[in-house]
Structure formats: C-alpha cells, structure tokens
C-alpha cells in the first residue's frame, strides 16, 4: 500500500529496488496496469516513478493526502 524509506537509508537506491520488486510481482501476477497516488511535495518519489515509466493520470486521487495519480501499463 505504501512505499517508505527511513531518512537515513534514502539515496542508496533502495527505493528503486523496492519499486522494481513490486513491479516484478505485479508482472508475475499478469497485472495489466499499476496505478499509484502520491503528494506533489514528494518530488524524489515522483522522479523515481517517472523514471520507471509511470505517466500522470487526469483523475483526482482517492487518498486524502495525495494530489497526484500515476499509471504504468505493464501489458
């Protein structure tokens, strides 16, 4: 549901590894699409998602603390 790293281990590439692992799991389950929601203030997370191929969605996020939504087509 959430991806979070403690401040002291940020910048070590662990977020990318965690995202890659989650996407591999989704592909293994033959999911066609992954959607995520985040907050604009999380600029490094948004850069990570963009680098992985996620594209912005026009819809409003459903989570109350999020103001951005993204999707990645897997199939």
C-alpha atoms as a PDB file:
ATOM      1  CA  UNK A   1       0.000   0.000   0.000  1.00  0.00           C
ATOM      2  CA  UNK A   2       2.817   2.409   0.813  1.00  0.00           C
ATOM      3  CA  UNK A   3       6.456   2.700  -0.051  1.00  0.00           C
ATOM      4  CA  UNK A   4       8.526   4.453   2.587  1.00  0.00           C
ATOM      5  CA  UNK A   5      12.200   4.513   3.481  1.00  0.00           C
ATOM      6  CA  UNK A   6      13.708   5.850   6.691  1.00  0.00           C
ATOM      7  CA  UNK A   7      15.608   9.096   6.144  1.00  0.00           C
ATOM      8  CA  UNK A   8      18.985   7.512   6.951  1.00  0.00           C
ATOM      9  CA  UNK A   9      18.752   4.981   4.094  1.00  0.00           C
ATOM     10  CA  UNK A  10      17.389   7.294   1.408  1.00  0.00           C
ATOM     11  CA  UNK A  11      19.636   7.875  -1.584  1.00  0.00           C
ATOM     12  CA  UNK A  12      21.067   4.346  -1.549  1.00  0.00           C
ATOM     13  CA  UNK A  13      18.950   3.022  -4.422  1.00  0.00           C
ATOM     14  CA  UNK A  14      16.669   1.051  -2.136  1.00  0.00           C
ATOM     15  CA  UNK A  15      13.525   2.843  -3.343  1.00  0.00           C
ATOM     16  CA  UNK A  16      14.272   1.813  -6.920  1.00  0.00           C
ATOM     17  CA  UNK A  17      14.915  -1.766  -5.827  1.00  0.00           C
ATOM     18  CA  UNK A  18      11.678  -1.827  -3.867  1.00  0.00           C
ATOM     19  CA  UNK A  19       9.695  -0.395  -6.792  1.00  0.00           C
ATOM     20  CA  UNK A  20      11.339  -2.837  -9.225  1.00  0.00           C
ATOM     21  CA  UNK A  21      10.423  -5.718  -6.922  1.00  0.00           C
ATOM     22  CA  UNK A  22       6.804  -4.564  -6.628  1.00  0.00           C
ATOM     23  CA  UNK A  23       6.511  -4.199 -10.412  1.00  0.00           C
ATOM     24  CA  UNK A  24       8.060  -7.646 -10.946  1.00  0.00           C
ATOM     25  CA  UNK A  25       5.469  -9.067  -8.568  1.00  0.00           C
ATOM     26  CA  UNK A  26       2.670  -7.329 -10.497  1.00  0.00           C
ATOM     27  CA  UNK A  27       4.010  -8.628 -13.805  1.00  0.00           C
ATOM     28  CA  UNK A  28       4.256 -12.128 -12.316  1.00  0.00           C
ATOM     29  CA  UNK A  29       0.576 -11.888 -11.412  1.00  0.00           C
ATOM     30  CA  UNK A  30      -0.102 -10.763 -15.007  1.00  0.00           C
ATOM     31  CA  UNK A  31      -1.484  -7.393 -13.988  1.00  0.00           C
ATOM     32  CA  UNK A  32      -2.007  -5.155 -16.996  1.00  0.00           C
ATOM     33  CA  UNK A  33      -1.624  -1.857 -15.167  1.00  0.00           C
ATOM     34  CA  UNK A  34      -0.342  -0.384 -11.924  1.00  0.00           C
ATOM     35  CA  UNK A  35      -1.727   2.866 -10.543  1.00  0.00           C
ATOM     36  CA  UNK A  36      -0.336   4.872  -7.661  1.00  0.00           C
ATOM     37  CA  UNK A  37      -1.131   8.063  -5.818  1.00  0.00           C
ATOM     38  CA  UNK A  38       1.302  10.456  -4.152  1.00  0.00           C
ATOM     39  CA  UNK A  39       1.733  14.024  -2.962  1.00  0.00           C
ATOM     40  CA  UNK A  40       3.411  16.746  -5.030  1.00  0.00           C
ATOM     41  CA  UNK A  41       5.829  17.516  -2.197  1.00  0.00           C
ATOM     42  CA  UNK A  42       7.422  14.065  -2.652  1.00  0.00           C
ATOM     43  CA  UNK A  43       9.487  15.214  -5.619  1.00  0.00           C
ATOM     44  CA  UNK A  44      12.114  12.469  -5.410  1.00  0.00           C
ATOM     45  CA  UNK A  45       9.425   9.781  -5.331  1.00  0.00           C
ATOM     46  CA  UNK A  46       7.723  11.326  -8.362  1.00  0.00           C
ATOM     47  CA  UNK A  47      11.063  11.356 -10.198  1.00  0.00           C
ATOM     48  CA  UNK A  48      11.506   7.668  -9.330  1.00  0.00           C
ATOM     49  CA  UNK A  49       8.043   6.832 -10.685  1.00  0.00           C
ATOM     50  CA  UNK A  50       8.643   8.851 -13.867  1.00  0.00           C
ATOM     51  CA  UNK A  51      11.984   7.088 -14.437  1.00  0.00           C
ATOM     52  CA  UNK A  52      10.158   3.745 -14.122  1.00  0.00           C
ATOM     53  CA  UNK A  53       7.733   4.792 -16.862  1.00  0.00           C
ATOM     54  CA  UNK A  54       4.735   5.948 -14.843  1.00  0.00           C
ATOM     55  CA  UNK A  55       2.638   8.628 -16.557  1.00  0.00           C
ATOM     56  CA  UNK A  56       0.340  11.177 -14.887  1.00  0.00           C
ATOM     57  CA  UNK A  57      -3.382  10.468 -14.730  1.00  0.00           C
ATOM     58  CA  UNK A  58      -6.004  13.174 -15.087  1.00  0.00           C
ATOM     59  CA  UNK A  59      -8.259  11.788 -12.355  1.00  0.00           C
ATOM     60  CA  UNK A  60      -8.239  13.028  -8.794  1.00  0.00           C
ATOM     61  CA  UNK A  61      -6.574  10.713  -6.279  1.00  0.00           C
ATOM     62  CA  UNK A  62      -8.813   8.910  -3.806  1.00  0.00           C
ATOM     63  CA  UNK A  63      -6.359   9.082  -0.871  1.00  0.00           C
ATOM     64  CA  UNK A  64      -6.909  12.218   1.192  1.00  0.00           C
ATOM     65  CA  UNK A  65      -3.219  13.207   1.492  1.00  0.00           C
ATOM     66  CA  UNK A  66      -2.462  12.681  -2.201  1.00  0.00           C
ATOM     67  CA  UNK A  67      -2.845  15.181  -5.005  1.00  0.00           C
ATOM     68  CA  UNK A  68      -1.214  13.306  -7.896  1.00  0.00           C
ATOM     69  CA  UNK A  69      -2.042   9.999  -9.599  1.00  0.00           C
ATOM     70  CA  UNK A  70       0.119   7.968 -11.988  1.00  0.00           C
ATOM     71  CA  UNK A  71      -0.196   4.766 -14.006  1.00  0.00           C
ATOM     72  CA  UNK A  72       2.154   2.295 -15.658  1.00  0.00           C
ATOM     73  CA  UNK A  73       0.926  -0.073 -18.362  1.00  0.00           C
ATOM     74  CA  UNK A  74       2.519  -3.491 -17.861  1.00  0.00           C
ATOM     75  CA  UNK A  75       0.934  -5.371 -20.749  1.00  0.00           C
END
